[in-house]
């Protein structure tokens, strides 16, 4: 029904139309709220999964760093963003470690007798 169509309605018909509109609007608002809550719950769950993956990747980097192995290993379950972040983290750690290693190597290779 359009706005022009209500011109000829009686007061009772207008009240019935108003009641129908309020009921419909109430259902729309309720469904909207349900959808928003579903999205919030989905985002919370995704956030928890990302935090768990982050923790797992941090442990993997720490274990690989202790073992002296390259830490860039793509997991089947790891997202490309996680691997990218892991790669950047490893590059930074390698730069720090290589500086430390080169200092140790230069000290070990120094011949004090000459």
PDB file of N, CA and C in Angstrom:
ATOM      1  N   UNK A   1       0.852  -1.178   0.000  1.00  0.00           N
ATOM      2  CA  UNK A   1       0.000   0.000   0.000  1.00  0.00           C
ATOM      3  C   UNK A   1       0.897   1.240   0.000  1.00  0.00           C
ATOM      4  N   UNK A   2       0.574   2.191  -0.813  1.00  0.00           N
ATOM      5  CA  UNK A   2       1.346   3.420  -0.926  1.00  0.00           C
ATOM      6  C   UNK A   2       0.658   4.533  -0.150  1.00  0.00           C
ATOM      7  N   UNK A   3       1.355   5.620   0.038  1.00  0.00           N
ATOM      8  CA  UNK A   3       0.834   6.752   0.800  1.00  0.00           C
ATOM      9  C   UNK A   3      -0.453   7.316   0.236  1.00  0.00           C
ATOM     10  N   UNK A   4      -0.568   7.354  -1.101  1.00  0.00           N
ATOM     11  CA  UNK A   4      -1.773   7.890  -1.727  1.00  0.00           C
ATOM     12  C   UNK A   4      -2.984   6.993  -1.464  1.00  0.00           C
ATOM     13  N   UNK A   5      -2.749   5.702  -1.249  1.00  0.00           N
ATOM     14  CA  UNK A   5      -3.829   4.734  -1.070  1.00  0.00           C
ATOM     15  C   UNK A   5      -4.523   4.861   0.289  1.00  0.00           C
ATOM     16  N   UNK A   6      -3.923   5.531   1.235  1.00  0.00           N
ATOM     17  CA  UNK A   6      -4.529   5.617   2.570  1.00  0.00           C
ATOM     18  C   UNK A   6      -5.493   6.794   2.710  1.00  0.00           C
ATOM     19  N   UNK A   7      -5.583   7.613   1.693  1.00  0.00           N
ATOM     20  CA  UNK A   7      -6.458   8.798   1.766  1.00  0.00           C
ATOM     21  C   UNK A   7      -7.914   8.447   2.066  1.00  0.00           C
ATOM     22  N   UNK A   8      -8.391   7.370   1.508  1.00  0.00           N
ATOM     23  CA  UNK A   8      -9.801   7.037   1.661  1.00  0.00           C
ATOM     24  C   UNK A   8     -10.104   6.103   2.822  1.00  0.00           C
ATOM     25  N   UNK A   9      -9.100   5.767   3.667  1.00  0.00           N
ATOM     26  CA  UNK A   9      -9.314   4.825   4.768  1.00  0.00           C
ATOM     27  C   UNK A   9     -10.009   5.495   5.952  1.00  0.00           C
ATOM     28  N   UNK A  10     -10.776   4.721   6.647  1.00  0.00           N
ATOM     29  CA  UNK A  10     -11.431   5.212   7.867  1.00  0.00           C
ATOM     30  C   UNK A  10     -10.433   5.184   9.013  1.00  0.00           C
ATOM     31  N   UNK A  11     -10.848   5.759  10.141  1.00  0.00           N
ATOM     32  CA  UNK A  11      -9.998   5.781  11.329  1.00  0.00           C
ATOM     33  C   UNK A  11      -9.688   4.364  11.791  1.00  0.00           C
ATOM     34  N   UNK A  12     -10.689   3.499  11.783  1.00  0.00           N
ATOM     35  CA  UNK A  12     -10.479   2.115  12.219  1.00  0.00           C
ATOM     36  C   UNK A  12      -9.510   1.391  11.291  1.00  0.00           C
ATOM     37  N   UNK A  13      -9.630   1.622   9.976  1.00  0.00           N
ATOM     38  CA  UNK A  13      -8.728   0.994   9.017  1.00  0.00           C
ATOM     39  C   UNK A  13      -7.306   1.522   9.192  1.00  0.00           C
ATOM     40  N   UNK A  14      -7.176   2.813   9.482  1.00  0.00           N
ATOM     41  CA  UNK A  14      -5.852   3.391   9.733  1.00  0.00           C
ATOM     42  C   UNK A  14      -5.230   2.808  10.997  1.00  0.00           C
ATOM     43  N   UNK A  15      -6.046   2.614  12.031  1.00  0.00           N
ATOM     44  CA  UNK A  15      -5.536   2.016  13.267  1.00  0.00           C
ATOM     45  C   UNK A  15      -5.088   0.571  13.015  1.00  0.00           C
ATOM     46  N   UNK A  16      -5.853  -0.168  12.226  1.00  0.00           N
ATOM     47  CA  UNK A  16      -5.481  -1.551  11.892  1.00  0.00           C
ATOM     48  C   UNK A  16      -4.184  -1.565  11.087  1.00  0.00           C
ATOM     49  N   UNK A  17      -4.055  -0.650  10.142  1.00  0.00           N
ATOM     50  CA  UNK A  17      -2.834  -0.539   9.338  1.00  0.00           C
ATOM     51  C   UNK A  17      -1.633  -0.209  10.225  1.00  0.00           C
ATOM     52  N   UNK A  18      -1.845   0.719  11.163  1.00  0.00           N
ATOM     53  CA  UNK A  18      -0.778   1.090  12.093  1.00  0.00           C
ATOM     54  C   UNK A  18      -0.346  -0.123  12.914  1.00  0.00           C
ATOM     55  N   UNK A  19      -1.308  -0.902  13.412  1.00  0.00           N
ATOM     56  CA  UNK A  19      -1.008  -2.094  14.203  1.00  0.00           C
ATOM     57  C   UNK A  19      -0.217  -3.107  13.366  1.00  0.00           C
ATOM     58  N   UNK A  20      -0.638  -3.288  12.123  1.00  0.00           N
ATOM     59  CA  UNK A  20       0.049  -4.215  11.217  1.00  0.00           C
ATOM     60  C   UNK A  20       1.485  -3.751  10.962  1.00  0.00           C
ATOM     61  N   UNK A  21       1.650  -2.462  10.738  1.00  0.00           N
ATOM     62  CA  UNK A  21       2.992  -1.912  10.503  1.00  0.00           C
ATOM     63  C   UNK A  21       3.884  -2.064  11.734  1.00  0.00           C
ATOM     64  N   UNK A  22       3.323  -1.807  12.925  1.00  0.00           N
ATOM     65  CA  UNK A  22       4.098  -1.952  14.161  1.00  0.00           C
ATOM     66  C   UNK A  22       4.533  -3.404  14.357  1.00  0.00           C
ATOM     67  N   UNK A  23       3.621  -4.334  14.081  1.00  0.00           N
ATOM     68  CA  UNK A  23       3.952  -5.754  14.212  1.00  0.00           C
ATOM     69  C   UNK A  23       5.059  -6.141  13.232  1.00  0.00           C
ATOM     70  N   UNK A  24       4.921  -5.693  11.999  1.00  0.00           N
ATOM     71  CA  UNK A  24       5.939  -5.979  10.983  1.00  0.00           C
ATOM     72  C   UNK A  24       7.277  -5.363  11.330  1.00  0.00           C
ATOM     73  N   UNK A  25       7.251  -4.122  11.791  1.00  0.00           N
ATOM     74  CA  UNK A  25       8.477  -3.441  12.171  1.00  0.00           C
ATOM     75  C   UNK A  25       9.132  -4.149  13.352  1.00  0.00           C
ATOM     76  N   UNK A  26       8.318  -4.595  14.289  1.00  0.00           N
ATOM     77  CA  UNK A  26       8.841  -5.319  15.443  1.00  0.00           C
ATOM     78  C   UNK A  26       9.566  -6.593  15.009  1.00  0.00           C
ATOM     79  N   UNK A  27       8.974  -7.331  14.061  1.00  0.00           N
ATOM     80  CA  UNK A  27       9.613  -8.550  13.543  1.00  0.00           C
ATOM     81  C   UNK A  27      10.919  -8.226  12.820  1.00  0.00           C
ATOM     82  N   UNK A  28      10.914  -7.144  12.053  1.00  0.00           N
ATOM     83  CA  UNK A  28      12.123  -6.736  11.326  1.00  0.00           C
ATOM     84  C   UNK A  28      13.230  -6.388  12.321  1.00  0.00           C
ATOM     85  N   UNK A  29      12.910  -5.613  13.355  1.00  0.00           N
ATOM     86  CA  UNK A  29      13.912  -5.223  14.352  1.00  0.00           C
ATOM     87  C   UNK A  29      14.426  -6.432  15.128  1.00  0.00           C
ATOM     88  N   UNK A  30      13.524  -7.373  15.431  1.00  0.00           N
ATOM     89  CA  UNK A  30      13.944  -8.575  16.135  1.00  0.00           C
ATOM     90  C   UNK A  30      14.906  -9.386  15.276  1.00  0.00           C
ATOM     91  N   UNK A  31      14.580  -9.572  14.022  1.00  0.00           N
ATOM     92  CA  UNK A  31      15.450 -10.339  13.115  1.00  0.00           C
ATOM     93  C   UNK A  31      16.784  -9.635  12.911  1.00  0.00           C
ATOM     94  N   UNK A  32      16.739  -8.317  12.831  1.00  0.00           N
ATOM     95  CA  UNK A  32      17.975  -7.532  12.690  1.00  0.00           C
ATOM     96  C   UNK A  32      18.871  -7.761  13.906  1.00  0.00           C
ATOM     97  N   UNK A  33      18.291  -7.729  15.087  1.00  0.00           N
ATOM     98  CA  UNK A  33      19.050  -7.977  16.313  1.00  0.00           C
ATOM     99  C   UNK A  33      19.645  -9.375  16.339  1.00  0.00           C
ATOM    100  N   UNK A  34      18.867 -10.364  15.887  1.00  0.00           N
ATOM    101  CA  UNK A  34      19.371 -11.738  15.831  1.00  0.00           C
ATOM    102  C   UNK A  34      20.563 -11.841  14.888  1.00  0.00           C
ATOM    103  N   UNK A  35      20.449 -11.218  13.720  1.00  0.00           N
ATOM    104  CA  UNK A  35      21.544 -11.257  12.744  1.00  0.00           C
ATOM    105  C   UNK A  35      22.803 -10.589  13.292  1.00  0.00           C
ATOM    106  N   UNK A  36      22.634  -9.467  13.974  1.00  0.00           N
ATOM    107  CA  UNK A  36      23.781  -8.776  14.557  1.00  0.00           C
ATOM    108  C   UNK A  36      24.440  -9.648  15.622  1.00  0.00           C
ATOM    109  N   UNK A  37      23.639 -10.300  16.461  1.00  0.00           N
ATOM    110  CA  UNK A  37      24.191 -11.180  17.488  1.00  0.00           C
ATOM    111  C   UNK A  37      24.929 -12.363  16.861  1.00  0.00           C
ATOM    112  N   UNK A  38      24.384 -12.911  15.771  1.00  0.00           N
ATOM    113  CA  UNK A  38      25.062 -14.000  15.067  1.00  0.00           C
ATOM    114  C   UNK A  38      26.418 -13.531  14.546  1.00  0.00           C
ATOM    115  N   UNK A  39      26.463 -12.331  13.982  1.00  0.00           N
ATOM    116  CA  UNK A  39      27.717 -11.793  13.460  1.00  0.00           C
ATOM    117  C   UNK A  39      28.716 -11.558  14.590  1.00  0.00           C
ATOM    118  N   UNK A  40      28.239 -11.040  15.712  1.00  0.00           N
ATOM    119  CA  UNK A  40      29.125 -10.809  16.859  1.00  0.00           C
ATOM    120  C   UNK A  40      29.710 -12.133  17.342  1.00  0.00           C
ATOM    121  N   UNK A  41      28.863 -13.150  17.462  1.00  0.00           N
ATOM    122  CA  UNK A  41      29.341 -14.461  17.911  1.00  0.00           C
ATOM    123  C   UNK A  41      30.332 -15.065  16.926  1.00  0.00           C
ATOM    124  N   UNK A  42      30.057 -14.924  15.622  1.00  0.00           N
ATOM    125  CA  UNK A  42      30.980 -15.423  14.602  1.00  0.00           C
ATOM    126  C   UNK A  42      32.328 -14.711  14.696  1.00  0.00           C
ATOM    127  N   UNK A  43      32.298 -13.406  14.891  1.00  0.00           N
ATOM    128  CA  UNK A  43      33.547 -12.642  14.998  1.00  0.00           C
ATOM    129  C   UNK A  43      34.313 -12.997  16.269  1.00  0.00           C
ATOM    130  N   UNK A  44      33.600 -13.224  17.361  1.00  0.00           N
ATOM    131  CA  UNK A  44      34.264 -13.655  18.604  1.00  0.00           C
ATOM    132  C   UNK A  44      34.949 -14.995  18.402  1.00  0.00           C
ATOM    133  N   UNK A  45      34.244 -15.920  17.755  1.00  0.00           N
ATOM    134  CA  UNK A  45      34.803 -17.236  17.505  1.00  0.00           C
ATOM    135  C   UNK A  45      36.030 -17.133  16.593  1.00  0.00           C
ATOM    136  N   UNK A  46      35.935 -16.324  15.559  1.00  0.00           N
ATOM    137  CA  UNK A  46      37.069 -16.146  14.649  1.00  0.00           C
ATOM    138  C   UNK A  46      38.254 -15.518  15.392  1.00  0.00           C
ATOM    139  N   UNK A  47      37.962 -14.562  16.264  1.00  0.00           N
ATOM    140  CA  UNK A  47      39.015 -13.941  17.064  1.00  0.00           C
ATOM    141  C   UNK A  47      39.717 -14.950  17.951  1.00  0.00           C
ATOM    142  N   UNK A  48      38.952 -15.836  18.569  1.00  0.00           N
ATOM    143  CA  UNK A  48      39.542 -16.877  19.417  1.00  0.00           C
ATOM    144  C   UNK A  48      40.404 -17.820  18.583  1.00  0.00           C
ATOM    145  N   UNK A  49      39.931 -18.185  17.402  1.00  0.00           N
ATOM    146  CA  UNK A  49      40.707 -19.058  16.526  1.00  0.00           C
ATOM    147  C   UNK A  49      42.013 -18.384  16.110  1.00  0.00           C
ATOM    148  N   UNK A  50      41.949 -17.100  15.808  1.00  0.00           N
ATOM    149  CA  UNK A  50      43.160 -16.370  15.416  1.00  0.00           C
ATOM    150  C   UNK A  50      44.144 -16.263  16.578  1.00  0.00           C
ATOM    151  N   UNK A  51      43.634 -16.057  17.782  1.00  0.00           N
ATOM    152  CA  UNK A  51      44.517 -15.991  18.950  1.00  0.00           C
ATOM    153  C   UNK A  51      45.183 -17.346  19.200  1.00  0.00           C
ATOM    154  N   UNK A  52      44.422 -18.442  19.026  1.00  0.00           N
ATOM    155  CA  UNK A  52      44.993 -19.775  19.192  1.00  0.00           C
ATOM    156  C   UNK A  52      46.054 -20.040  18.133  1.00  0.00           C
ATOM    157  N   UNK A  53      45.774 -19.656  16.886  1.00  0.00           N
ATOM    158  CA  UNK A  53      46.740 -19.840  15.806  1.00  0.00           C
ATOM    159  C   UNK A  53      47.987 -18.997  16.057  1.00  0.00           C
ATOM    160  N   UNK A  54      47.798 -17.781  16.524  1.00  0.00           N
ATOM    161  CA  UNK A  54      48.925 -16.909  16.843  1.00  0.00           C
ATOM    162  C   UNK A  54      49.808 -17.541  17.913  1.00  0.00           C
ATOM    163  N   UNK A  55      49.184 -18.072  18.942  1.00  0.00           N
ATOM    164  CA  UNK A  55      49.928 -18.723  20.021  1.00  0.00           C
ATOM    165  C   UNK A  55      50.696 -19.928  19.494  1.00  0.00           C
ATOM    166  N   UNK A  56      50.020 -20.736  18.668  1.00  0.00           N
ATOM    167  CA  UNK A  56      50.663 -21.917  18.099  1.00  0.00           C
ATOM    168  C   UNK A  56      51.852 -21.521  17.224  1.00  0.00           C
ATOM    169  N   UNK A  57      51.699 -20.480  16.429  1.00  0.00           N
ATOM    170  CA  UNK A  57      52.795 -20.030  15.564  1.00  0.00           C
ATOM    171  C   UNK A  57      53.953 -19.451  16.368  1.00  0.00           C
ATOM    172  N   UNK A  58      53.631 -18.754  17.445  1.00  0.00           N
ATOM    173  CA  UNK A  58      54.711 -18.232  18.304  1.00  0.00           C
ATOM    174  C   UNK A  58      55.513 -19.386  18.914  1.00  0.00           C
ATOM    175  N   UNK A  59      54.806 -20.425  19.344  1.00  0.00           N
ATOM    176  CA  UNK A  59      55.495 -21.591  19.897  1.00  0.00           C
ATOM    177  C   UNK A  59      56.356 -22.257  18.831  1.00  0.00           C
ATOM    178  N   UNK A  60      55.830 -22.356  17.626  1.00  0.00           N
ATOM    179  CA  UNK A  60      56.570 -22.968  16.531  1.00  0.00           C
ATOM    180  C   UNK A  60      57.833 -22.172  16.233  1.00  0.00           C
ATOM    181  N   UNK A  61      57.729 -20.850  16.191  1.00  0.00           N
ATOM    182  CA  UNK A  61      58.900 -20.005  15.938  1.00  0.00           C
ATOM    183  C   UNK A  61      59.922 -20.181  17.051  1.00  0.00           C
ATOM    184  N   UNK A  62      59.463 -20.205  18.301  1.00  0.00           N
ATOM    185  CA  UNK A  62      60.381 -20.367  19.429  1.00  0.00           C
ATOM    186  C   UNK A  62      61.077 -21.721  19.368  1.00  0.00           C
ATOM    187  N   UNK A  63      60.337 -22.783  19.063  1.00  0.00           N
ATOM    188  CA  UNK A  63      60.933 -24.116  18.981  1.00  0.00           C
ATOM    189  C   UNK A  63      61.942 -24.199  17.849  1.00  0.00           C
ATOM    190  N   UNK A  64      61.597 -23.647  16.706  1.00  0.00           N
ATOM    191  CA  UNK A  64      62.507 -23.685  15.563  1.00  0.00           C
ATOM    192  C   UNK A  64      63.733 -22.809  15.807  1.00  0.00           C
ATOM    193  N   UNK A  65      63.558 -21.712  16.500  1.00  0.00           N
ATOM    194  CA  UNK A  65      64.699 -20.846  16.816  1.00  0.00           C
ATOM    195  C   UNK A  65      65.662 -21.560  17.757  1.00  0.00           C
ATOM    196  N   UNK A  66      65.119 -22.287  18.732  1.00  0.00           N
ATOM    197  CA  UNK A  66      65.969 -23.050  19.658  1.00  0.00           C
ATOM    198  C   UNK A  66      66.698 -24.166  18.937  1.00  0.00           C
ATOM    199  N   UNK A  67      66.051 -24.763  17.957  1.00  0.00           N
ATOM    200  CA  UNK A  67      66.652 -25.869  17.214  1.00  0.00           C
ATOM    201  C   UNK A  67      67.605 -25.368  16.129  1.00  0.00           C
ATOM    202  N   UNK A  68      67.602 -24.075  15.868  1.00  0.00           N
ATOM    203  CA  UNK A  68      68.485 -23.505  14.862  1.00  0.00           C
ATOM    204  C   UNK A  68      68.015 -23.740  13.442  1.00  0.00           C
ATOM    205  N   UNK A  69      66.750 -24.064  13.280  1.00  0.00           N
ATOM    206  CA  UNK A  69      66.195 -24.314  11.946  1.00  0.00           C
ATOM    207  C   UNK A  69      65.503 -23.059  11.442  1.00  0.00           C
ATOM    208  N   UNK A  70      65.385 -22.921  10.112  1.00  0.00           N
ATOM    209  CA  UNK A  70      64.596 -21.801   9.584  1.00  0.00           C
ATOM    210  C   UNK A  70      63.151 -21.924  10.083  1.00  0.00           C
ATOM    211  N   UNK A  71      62.587 -20.828  10.481  1.00  0.00           N
ATOM    212  CA  UNK A  71      61.256 -20.858  11.096  1.00  0.00           C
ATOM    213  C   UNK A  71      60.126 -20.694  10.099  1.00  0.00           C
ATOM    214  N   UNK A  72      60.428 -20.579   8.818  1.00  0.00           N
ATOM    215  CA  UNK A  72      59.366 -20.385   7.835  1.00  0.00           C
ATOM    216  C   UNK A  72      58.940 -21.756   7.338  1.00  0.00           C
ATOM    217  N   UNK A  73      57.834 -22.225   7.892  1.00  0.00           N
ATOM    218  CA  UNK A  73      57.267 -23.507   7.470  1.00  0.00           C
ATOM    219  C   UNK A  73      55.780 -23.323   7.342  1.00  0.00           C
ATOM    220  N   UNK A  74      55.273 -23.433   6.128  1.00  0.00           N
ATOM    221  CA  UNK A  74      53.840 -23.229   5.925  1.00  0.00           C
ATOM    222  C   UNK A  74      53.084 -24.439   6.416  1.00  0.00           C
ATOM    223  N   UNK A  75      52.128 -24.195   7.245  1.00  0.00           N
ATOM    224  CA  UNK A  75      51.247 -25.237   7.748  1.00  0.00           C
ATOM    225  C   UNK A  75      50.019 -25.289   6.874  1.00  0.00           C
ATOM    226  N   UNK A  76      49.402 -26.472   6.786  1.00  0.00           N
ATOM    227  CA  UNK A  76      48.185 -26.601   5.993  1.00  0.00           C
ATOM    228  C   UNK A  76      47.073 -25.727   6.554  1.00  0.00           C
ATOM    229  N   UNK A  77      47.057 -25.545   7.871  1.00  0.00           N
ATOM    230  CA  UNK A  77      45.984 -24.792   8.505  1.00  0.00           C
ATOM    231  C   UNK A  77      46.323 -23.318   8.680  1.00  0.00           C
ATOM    232  N   UNK A  78      47.545 -22.917   8.416  1.00  0.00           N
ATOM    233  CA  UNK A  78      47.948 -21.534   8.635  1.00  0.00           C
ATOM    234  C   UNK A  78      47.442 -20.660   7.495  1.00  0.00           C
ATOM    235  N   UNK A  79      46.919 -19.511   7.849  1.00  0.00           N
ATOM    236  CA  UNK A  79      46.454 -18.581   6.822  1.00  0.00           C
ATOM    237  C   UNK A  79      47.651 -17.898   6.190  1.00  0.00           C
ATOM    238  N   UNK A  80      47.453 -17.361   4.996  1.00  0.00           N
ATOM    239  CA  UNK A  80      48.553 -16.672   4.324  1.00  0.00           C
ATOM    240  C   UNK A  80      48.993 -15.461   5.124  1.00  0.00           C
ATOM    241  N   UNK A  81      48.053 -14.818   5.815  1.00  0.00           N
ATOM    242  CA  UNK A  81      48.417 -13.667   6.652  1.00  0.00           C
ATOM    243  C   UNK A  81      49.311 -14.108   7.797  1.00  0.00           C
ATOM    244  N   UNK A  82      49.016 -15.261   8.384  1.00  0.00           N
ATOM    245  CA  UNK A  82      49.832 -15.777   9.479  1.00  0.00           C
ATOM    246  C   UNK A  82      51.233 -16.095   9.001  1.00  0.00           C
ATOM    247  N   UNK A  83      51.327 -16.730   7.827  1.00  0.00           N
ATOM    248  CA  UNK A  83      52.638 -17.068   7.285  1.00  0.00           C
ATOM    249  C   UNK A  83      53.410 -15.799   6.969  1.00  0.00           C
ATOM    250  N   UNK A  84      52.744 -14.798   6.420  1.00  0.00           N
ATOM    251  CA  UNK A  84      53.395 -13.523   6.132  1.00  0.00           C
ATOM    252  C   UNK A  84      53.908 -12.888   7.411  1.00  0.00           C
ATOM    253  N   UNK A  85      53.070 -12.859   8.452  1.00  0.00           N
ATOM    254  CA  UNK A  85      53.501 -12.294   9.726  1.00  0.00           C
ATOM    255  C   UNK A  85      54.651 -13.095  10.312  1.00  0.00           C
ATOM    256  N   UNK A  86      54.597 -14.412  10.184  1.00  0.00           N
ATOM    257  CA  UNK A  86      55.655 -15.270  10.672  1.00  0.00           C
ATOM    258  C   UNK A  86      56.944 -14.971   9.922  1.00  0.00           C
ATOM    259  N   UNK A  87      56.851 -14.794   8.614  1.00  0.00           N
ATOM    260  CA  UNK A  87      58.016 -14.503   7.791  1.00  0.00           C
ATOM    261  C   UNK A  87      58.658 -13.195   8.234  1.00  0.00           C
ATOM    262  N   UNK A  88      57.850 -12.148   8.431  1.00  0.00           N
ATOM    263  CA  UNK A  88      58.391 -10.865   8.862  1.00  0.00           C
ATOM    264  C   UNK A  88      59.034 -10.987  10.244  1.00  0.00           C
ATOM    265  N   UNK A  89      58.421 -11.729  11.110  1.00  0.00           N
ATOM    266  CA  UNK A  89      58.956 -11.932  12.453  1.00  0.00           C
ATOM    267  C   UNK A  89      60.292 -12.649  12.385  1.00  0.00           C
ATOM    268  N   UNK A  90      60.388 -13.663  11.536  1.00  0.00           N
ATOM    269  CA  UNK A  90      61.616 -14.435  11.408  1.00  0.00           C
ATOM    270  C   UNK A  90      62.719 -13.575  10.811  1.00  0.00           C
ATOM    271  N   UNK A  91      62.394 -12.780   9.814  1.00  0.00           N
ATOM    272  CA  UNK A  91      63.406 -11.911   9.200  1.00  0.00           C
ATOM    273  C   UNK A  91      63.978 -10.974  10.254  1.00  0.00           C
ATOM    274  N   UNK A  92      63.137 -10.413  11.091  1.00  0.00           N
ATOM    275  CA  UNK A  92      63.630  -9.538  12.149  1.00  0.00           C
ATOM    276  C   UNK A  92      64.495 -10.323  13.122  1.00  0.00           C
ATOM    277  N   UNK A  93      64.057 -11.516  13.511  1.00  0.00           N
ATOM    278  CA  UNK A  93      64.827 -12.341  14.438  1.00  0.00           C
ATOM    279  C   UNK A  93      66.135 -12.785  13.819  1.00  0.00           C
ATOM    280  N   UNK A  94      66.143 -13.114  12.521  1.00  0.00           N
ATOM    281  CA  UNK A  94      67.373 -13.524  11.865  1.00  0.00           C
ATOM    282  C   UNK A  94      68.380 -12.383  11.852  1.00  0.00           C
ATOM    283  N   UNK A  95      67.921 -11.164  11.625  1.00  0.00           N
ATOM    284  CA  UNK A  95      68.823 -10.027  11.624  1.00  0.00           C
ATOM    285  C   UNK A  95      69.466  -9.856  12.992  1.00  0.00           C
ATOM    286  N   UNK A  96      68.699 -10.003  14.030  1.00  0.00           N
ATOM    287  CA  UNK A  96      69.237  -9.888  15.380  1.00  0.00           C
ATOM    288  C   UNK A  96      70.193 -11.038  15.652  1.00  0.00           C
ATOM    289  N   UNK A  97      69.801 -12.269  15.323  1.00  0.00           N
ATOM    290  CA  UNK A  97      70.628 -13.439  15.568  1.00  0.00           C
ATOM    291  C   UNK A  97      71.907 -13.403  14.751  1.00  0.00           C
ATOM    292  N   UNK A  98      71.836 -12.968  13.487  1.00  0.00           N
ATOM    293  CA  UNK A  98      73.026 -12.964  12.647  1.00  0.00           C
ATOM    294  C   UNK A  98      74.037 -11.954  13.158  1.00  0.00           C
ATOM    295  N   UNK A  99      73.581 -10.829  13.699  1.00  0.00           N
ATOM    296  CA  UNK A  99      74.507  -9.862  14.278  1.00  0.00           C
ATOM    297  C   UNK A  99      75.217 -10.486  15.460  1.00  0.00           C
ATOM    298  N   UNK A 100      74.458 -11.153  16.293  1.00  0.00           N
ATOM    299  CA  UNK A 100      75.018 -11.803  17.466  1.00  0.00           C
ATOM    300  C   UNK A 100      75.964 -12.914  17.042  1.00  0.00           C
ATOM    301  N   UNK A 101      75.591 -13.700  16.048  1.00  0.00           N
ATOM    302  CA  UNK A 101      76.411 -14.806  15.571  1.00  0.00           C
ATOM    303  C   UNK A 101      77.706 -14.292  14.967  1.00  0.00           C
ATOM    304  N   UNK A 102      77.633 -13.242  14.166  1.00  0.00           N
ATOM    305  CA  UNK A 102      78.847 -12.734  13.547  1.00  0.00           C
ATOM    306  C   UNK A 102      79.800 -12.182  14.597  1.00  0.00           C
ATOM    307  N   UNK A 103      79.270 -11.622  15.651  1.00  0.00           N
ATOM    308  CA  UNK A 103      80.146 -11.160  16.735  1.00  0.00           C
ATOM    309  C   UNK A 103      80.829 -12.336  17.404  1.00  0.00           C
ATOM    310  N   UNK A 104      80.105 -13.386  17.635  1.00  0.00           N
ATOM    311  CA  UNK A 104      80.694 -14.561  18.262  1.00  0.00           C
ATOM    312  C   UNK A 104      81.713 -15.203  17.328  1.00  0.00           C
ATOM    313  N   UNK A 105      81.416 -15.283  16.050  1.00  0.00           N
ATOM    314  CA  UNK A 105      82.345 -15.892  15.107  1.00  0.00           C
ATOM    315  C   UNK A 105      83.616 -15.070  14.996  1.00  0.00           C
ATOM    316  N   UNK A 106      83.483 -13.756  14.955  1.00  0.00           N
ATOM    317  CA  UNK A 106      84.681 -12.935  14.838  1.00  0.00           C
ATOM    318  C   UNK A 106      85.521 -13.035  16.100  1.00  0.00           C
ATOM    319  N   UNK A 107      84.908 -13.208  17.235  1.00  0.00           N
ATOM    320  CA  UNK A 107      85.672 -13.366  18.473  1.00  0.00           C
ATOM    321  C   UNK A 107      86.342 -14.720  18.517  1.00  0.00           C
ATOM    322  N   UNK A 108      85.655 -15.755  18.048  1.00  0.00           N
ATOM    323  CA  UNK A 108      86.214 -17.091  18.065  1.00  0.00           C
ATOM    324  C   UNK A 108      87.357 -17.210  17.047  1.00  0.00           C
ATOM    325  N   UNK A 109      87.261 -16.494  15.960  1.00  0.00           N
ATOM    326  CA  UNK A 109      88.266 -16.588  14.897  1.00  0.00           C
ATOM    327  C   UNK A 109      89.472 -15.689  15.153  1.00  0.00           C
ATOM    328  N   UNK A 110      89.486 -14.911  16.190  1.00  0.00           N
ATOM    329  CA  UNK A 110      90.570 -13.969  16.446  1.00  0.00           C
ATOM    330  C   UNK A 110      91.784 -14.724  16.955  1.00  0.00           C
ATOM    331  N   UNK A 111      92.909 -14.442  16.355  1.00  0.00           N
ATOM    332  CA  UNK A 111      94.144 -15.097  16.769  1.00  0.00           C
ATOM    333  C   UNK A 111      94.923 -14.145  17.650  1.00  0.00           C
ATOM    334  N   UNK A 112      94.997 -14.408  18.917  1.00  0.00           N
ATOM    335  CA  UNK A 112      95.636 -13.517  19.873  1.00  0.00           C
ATOM    336  C   UNK A 112      97.166 -13.601  19.807  1.00  0.00           C
ATOM    337  N   UNK A 113      97.697 -14.654  19.264  1.00  0.00           N
ATOM    338  CA  UNK A 113      99.142 -14.849  19.233  1.00  0.00           C
ATOM    339  C   UNK A 113      99.815 -13.958  18.213  1.00  0.00           C
ATOM    340  N   UNK A 114      99.165 -13.536  17.159  1.00  0.00           N
ATOM    341  CA  UNK A 114      99.829 -12.746  16.125  1.00  0.00           C
ATOM    342  C   UNK A 114      99.909 -11.319  16.435  1.00  0.00           C
TER     343      UNK A 114
END
